[in-house]
Amino acid sequence: AILDATQICNLEDGYLLGEQLEWGQFGVIRSCLDKLTGKIIA
């Protein structure tokens, strides 16, 4: 999803961070629960 650049928010306001799935050179991939839709994403 593309957010309005004028909106500043904390990642944890919209998502519940889950377990670490992978890691690599540029960061960590975690499962996340979208608090608004209830869908699990990564």
PDB file of N, CA and C in Angstrom:
ATOM      1  N   ALA A   1       0.839  -1.185   0.000  1.00  0.00           N
ATOM      2  CA  ALA A   1       0.000   0.000   0.000  1.00  0.00           C
ATOM      3  C   ALA A   1       0.876   1.237   0.000  1.00  0.00           C
ATOM      4  N   ILE A   2       0.416   2.273  -0.634  1.00  0.00           N
ATOM      5  CA  ILE A   2       1.144   3.536  -0.680  1.00  0.00           C
ATOM      6  C   ILE A   2       0.484   4.497   0.299  1.00  0.00           C
ATOM      7  N   LEU A   3       1.292   5.045   1.198  1.00  0.00           N
ATOM      8  CA  LEU A   3       0.781   5.979   2.194  1.00  0.00           C
ATOM      9  C   LEU A   3       1.034   7.407   1.755  1.00  0.00           C
ATOM     10  N   ASP A   4       0.208   8.309   2.204  1.00  0.00           N
ATOM     11  CA  ASP A   4       0.411   9.731   1.974  1.00  0.00           C
ATOM     12  C   ASP A   4       1.703  10.144   2.682  1.00  0.00           C
ATOM     13  N   ALA A   5       2.600  10.786   1.958  1.00  0.00           N
ATOM     14  CA  ALA A   5       3.900  11.164   2.514  1.00  0.00           C
ATOM     15  C   ALA A   5       3.771  12.152   3.666  1.00  0.00           C
ATOM     16  N   THR A   6       2.642  12.822   3.781  1.00  0.00           N
ATOM     17  CA  THR A   6       2.460  13.773   4.877  1.00  0.00           C
ATOM     18  C   THR A   6       2.081  13.081   6.176  1.00  0.00           C
ATOM     19  N   GLN A   7       1.728  11.805   6.103  1.00  0.00           N
ATOM     20  CA  GLN A   7       1.370  11.057   7.307  1.00  0.00           C
ATOM     21  C   GLN A   7       2.627  10.453   7.916  1.00  0.00           C
ATOM     22  N   ILE A   8       2.825  10.685   9.183  1.00  0.00           N
ATOM     23  CA  ILE A   8       3.938  10.075   9.901  1.00  0.00           C
ATOM     24  C   ILE A   8       3.328   9.171  10.956  1.00  0.00           C
ATOM     25  N   CYS A   9       3.698   7.888  10.924  1.00  0.00           N
ATOM     26  CA  CYS A   9       3.117   6.958  11.883  1.00  0.00           C
ATOM     27  C   CYS A   9       4.174   5.974  12.364  1.00  0.00           C
ATOM     28  N   ASN A  10       3.880   5.353  13.458  1.00  0.00           N
ATOM     29  CA  ASN A  10       4.723   4.324  14.032  1.00  0.00           C
ATOM     30  C   ASN A  10       4.270   2.984  13.463  1.00  0.00           C
ATOM     31  N   LEU A  11       5.192   2.160  13.021  1.00  0.00           N
ATOM     32  CA  LEU A  11       4.878   0.854  12.450  1.00  0.00           C
ATOM     33  C   LEU A  11       3.976   0.045  13.375  1.00  0.00           C
ATOM     34  N   GLU A  12       4.242   0.103  14.660  1.00  0.00           N
ATOM     35  CA  GLU A  12       3.491  -0.703  15.620  1.00  0.00           C
ATOM     36  C   GLU A  12       2.078  -0.173  15.861  1.00  0.00           C
ATOM     37  N   ASP A  13       1.761   1.035  15.372  1.00  0.00           N
ATOM     38  CA  ASP A  13       0.391   1.539  15.476  1.00  0.00           C
ATOM     39  C   ASP A  13      -0.542   0.756  14.560  1.00  0.00           C
ATOM     40  N   GLY A  14      -0.026   0.302  13.421  1.00  0.00           N
ATOM     41  CA  GLY A  14      -0.860  -0.384  12.442  1.00  0.00           C
ATOM     42  C   GLY A  14      -0.662  -1.880  12.377  1.00  0.00           C
ATOM     43  N   TYR A  15       0.457  -2.370  12.938  1.00  0.00           N
ATOM     44  CA  TYR A  15       0.788  -3.785  12.799  1.00  0.00           C
ATOM     45  C   TYR A  15       1.257  -4.374  14.115  1.00  0.00           C
ATOM     46  N   LEU A  16       0.939  -5.638  14.324  1.00  0.00           N
ATOM     47  CA  LEU A  16       1.453  -6.396  15.454  1.00  0.00           C
ATOM     48  C   LEU A  16       2.574  -7.268  14.905  1.00  0.00           C
ATOM     49  N   LEU A  17       3.806  -7.023  15.339  1.00  0.00           N
ATOM     50  CA  LEU A  17       4.956  -7.750  14.808  1.00  0.00           C
ATOM     51  C   LEU A  17       4.981  -9.175  15.331  1.00  0.00           C
ATOM     52  N   GLY A  18       5.240 -10.115  14.422  1.00  0.00           N
ATOM     53  CA  GLY A  18       5.274 -11.528  14.773  1.00  0.00           C
ATOM     54  C   GLY A  18       6.682 -12.087  14.735  1.00  0.00           C
ATOM     55  N   GLU A  19       6.759 -13.377  14.461  1.00  0.00           N
ATOM     56  CA  GLU A  19       8.044 -14.063  14.486  1.00  0.00           C
ATOM     57  C   GLU A  19       8.932 -13.668  13.313  1.00  0.00           C
ATOM     58  N   GLN A  20      10.242 -13.821  13.516  1.00  0.00           N
ATOM     59  CA  GLN A  20      11.209 -13.566  12.452  1.00  0.00           C
ATOM     60  C   GLN A  20      11.164 -14.733  11.478  1.00  0.00           C
ATOM     61  N   LEU A  21      10.992 -14.425  10.192  1.00  0.00           N
ATOM     62  CA  LEU A  21      10.913 -15.458   9.167  1.00  0.00           C
ATOM     63  C   LEU A  21      12.257 -15.673   8.478  1.00  0.00           C
ATOM     64  N   GLU A  22      12.934 -14.604   8.153  1.00  0.00           N
ATOM     65  CA  GLU A  22      14.217 -14.642   7.445  1.00  0.00           C
ATOM     66  C   GLU A  22      15.040 -13.437   7.855  1.00  0.00           C
ATOM     67  N   TRP A  23      16.302 -13.446   7.447  1.00  0.00           N
ATOM     68  CA  TRP A  23      17.163 -12.289   7.624  1.00  0.00           C
ATOM     69  C   TRP A  23      18.131 -12.261   6.464  1.00  0.00           C
ATOM     70  N   GLY A  24      18.627 -11.084   6.187  1.00  0.00           N
ATOM     71  CA  GLY A  24      19.539 -10.948   5.065  1.00  0.00           C
ATOM     72  C   GLY A  24      20.410  -9.721   5.210  1.00  0.00           C
ATOM     73  N   GLN A  25      21.065  -9.372   4.127  1.00  0.00           N
ATOM     74  CA  GLN A  25      22.014  -8.268   4.118  1.00  0.00           C
ATOM     75  C   GLN A  25      21.357  -6.933   4.462  1.00  0.00           C
ATOM     76  N   PHE A  26      20.104  -6.760   4.076  1.00  0.00           N
ATOM     77  CA  PHE A  26      19.450  -5.466   4.232  1.00  0.00           C
ATOM     78  C   PHE A  26      18.439  -5.403   5.369  1.00  0.00           C
ATOM     79  N   GLY A  27      18.220  -6.488   6.082  1.00  0.00           N
ATOM     80  CA  GLY A  27      17.280  -6.419   7.193  1.00  0.00           C
ATOM     81  C   GLY A  27      16.670  -7.755   7.546  1.00  0.00           C
ATOM     82  N   VAL A  28      15.605  -7.683   8.333  1.00  0.00           N
ATOM     83  CA  VAL A  28      14.914  -8.854   8.854  1.00  0.00           C
ATOM     84  C   VAL A  28      13.493  -8.868   8.304  1.00  0.00           C
ATOM     85  N   ILE A  29      12.996 -10.061   7.972  1.00  0.00           N
ATOM     86  CA  ILE A  29      11.611 -10.223   7.527  1.00  0.00           C
ATOM     87  C   ILE A  29      10.845 -10.887   8.656  1.00  0.00           C
ATOM     88  N   ARG A  30       9.750 -10.245   9.062  1.00  0.00           N
ATOM     89  CA  ARG A  30       8.899 -10.775  10.122  1.00  0.00           C
ATOM     90  C   ARG A  30       7.483 -10.934   9.605  1.00  0.00           C
ATOM     91  N   SER A  31       6.760 -11.861  10.195  1.00  0.00           N
ATOM     92  CA  SER A  31       5.323 -11.901   9.935  1.00  0.00           C
ATOM     93  C   SER A  31       4.707 -10.750  10.720  1.00  0.00           C
ATOM     94  N   CYS A  32       3.642 -10.195  10.194  1.00  0.00           N
ATOM     95  CA  CYS A  32       2.960  -9.078  10.850  1.00  0.00           C
ATOM     96  C   CYS A  32       1.462  -9.252  10.704  1.00  0.00           C
ATOM     97  N   LEU A  33       0.731  -8.834  11.718  1.00  0.00           N
ATOM     98  CA  LEU A  33      -0.722  -8.828  11.666  1.00  0.00           C
ATOM     99  C   LEU A  33      -1.175  -7.394  11.430  1.00  0.00           C
ATOM    100  N   ASP A  34      -1.899  -7.174  10.340  1.00  0.00           N
ATOM    101  CA  ASP A  34      -2.466  -5.857  10.049  1.00  0.00           C
ATOM    102  C   ASP A  34      -3.638  -5.652  11.001  1.00  0.00           C
ATOM    103  N   LYS A  35      -3.531  -4.713  11.912  1.00  0.00           N
ATOM    104  CA  LYS A  35      -4.562  -4.492  12.928  1.00  0.00           C
ATOM    105  C   LYS A  35      -5.886  -4.045  12.323  1.00  0.00           C
ATOM    106  N   LEU A  36      -5.849  -3.386  11.180  1.00  0.00           N
ATOM    107  CA  LEU A  36      -7.063  -2.880  10.551  1.00  0.00           C
ATOM    108  C   LEU A  36      -7.843  -3.985   9.845  1.00  0.00           C
ATOM    109  N   THR A  37      -7.128  -4.839   9.088  1.00  0.00           N
ATOM    110  CA  THR A  37      -7.807  -5.864   8.289  1.00  0.00           C
ATOM    111  C   THR A  37      -7.813  -7.236   8.942  1.00  0.00           C
ATOM    112  N   GLY A  38      -6.889  -7.471   9.894  1.00  0.00           N
ATOM    113  CA  GLY A  38      -6.776  -8.779  10.515  1.00  0.00           C
ATOM    114  C   GLY A  38      -5.991  -9.778   9.686  1.00  0.00           C
ATOM    115  N   LYS A  39      -5.401  -9.322   8.572  1.00  0.00           N
ATOM    116  CA  LYS A  39      -4.634 -10.212   7.697  1.00  0.00           C
ATOM    117  C   LYS A  39      -3.194 -10.318   8.163  1.00  0.00           C
ATOM    118  N   ILE A  40      -2.625 -11.515   8.008  1.00  0.00           N
ATOM    119  CA  ILE A  40      -1.218 -11.734   8.316  1.00  0.00           C
ATOM    120  C   ILE A  40      -0.421 -11.471   7.046  1.00  0.00           C
ATOM    121  N   ILE A  41       0.608 -10.634   7.173  1.00  0.00           N
ATOM    122  CA  ILE A  41       1.458 -10.278   6.045  1.00  0.00           C
ATOM    123  C   ILE A  41       2.916 -10.429   6.457  1.00  0.00           C
ATOM    124  N   ALA A  42       3.822 -10.251   5.522  1.00  0.00           N
ATOM    125  CA  ALA A  42       5.252 -10.281   5.835  1.00  0.00           C
ATOM    126  C   ALA A  42       5.922  -9.085   5.199  1.00  0.00           C
TER     127      ALA A  42
END
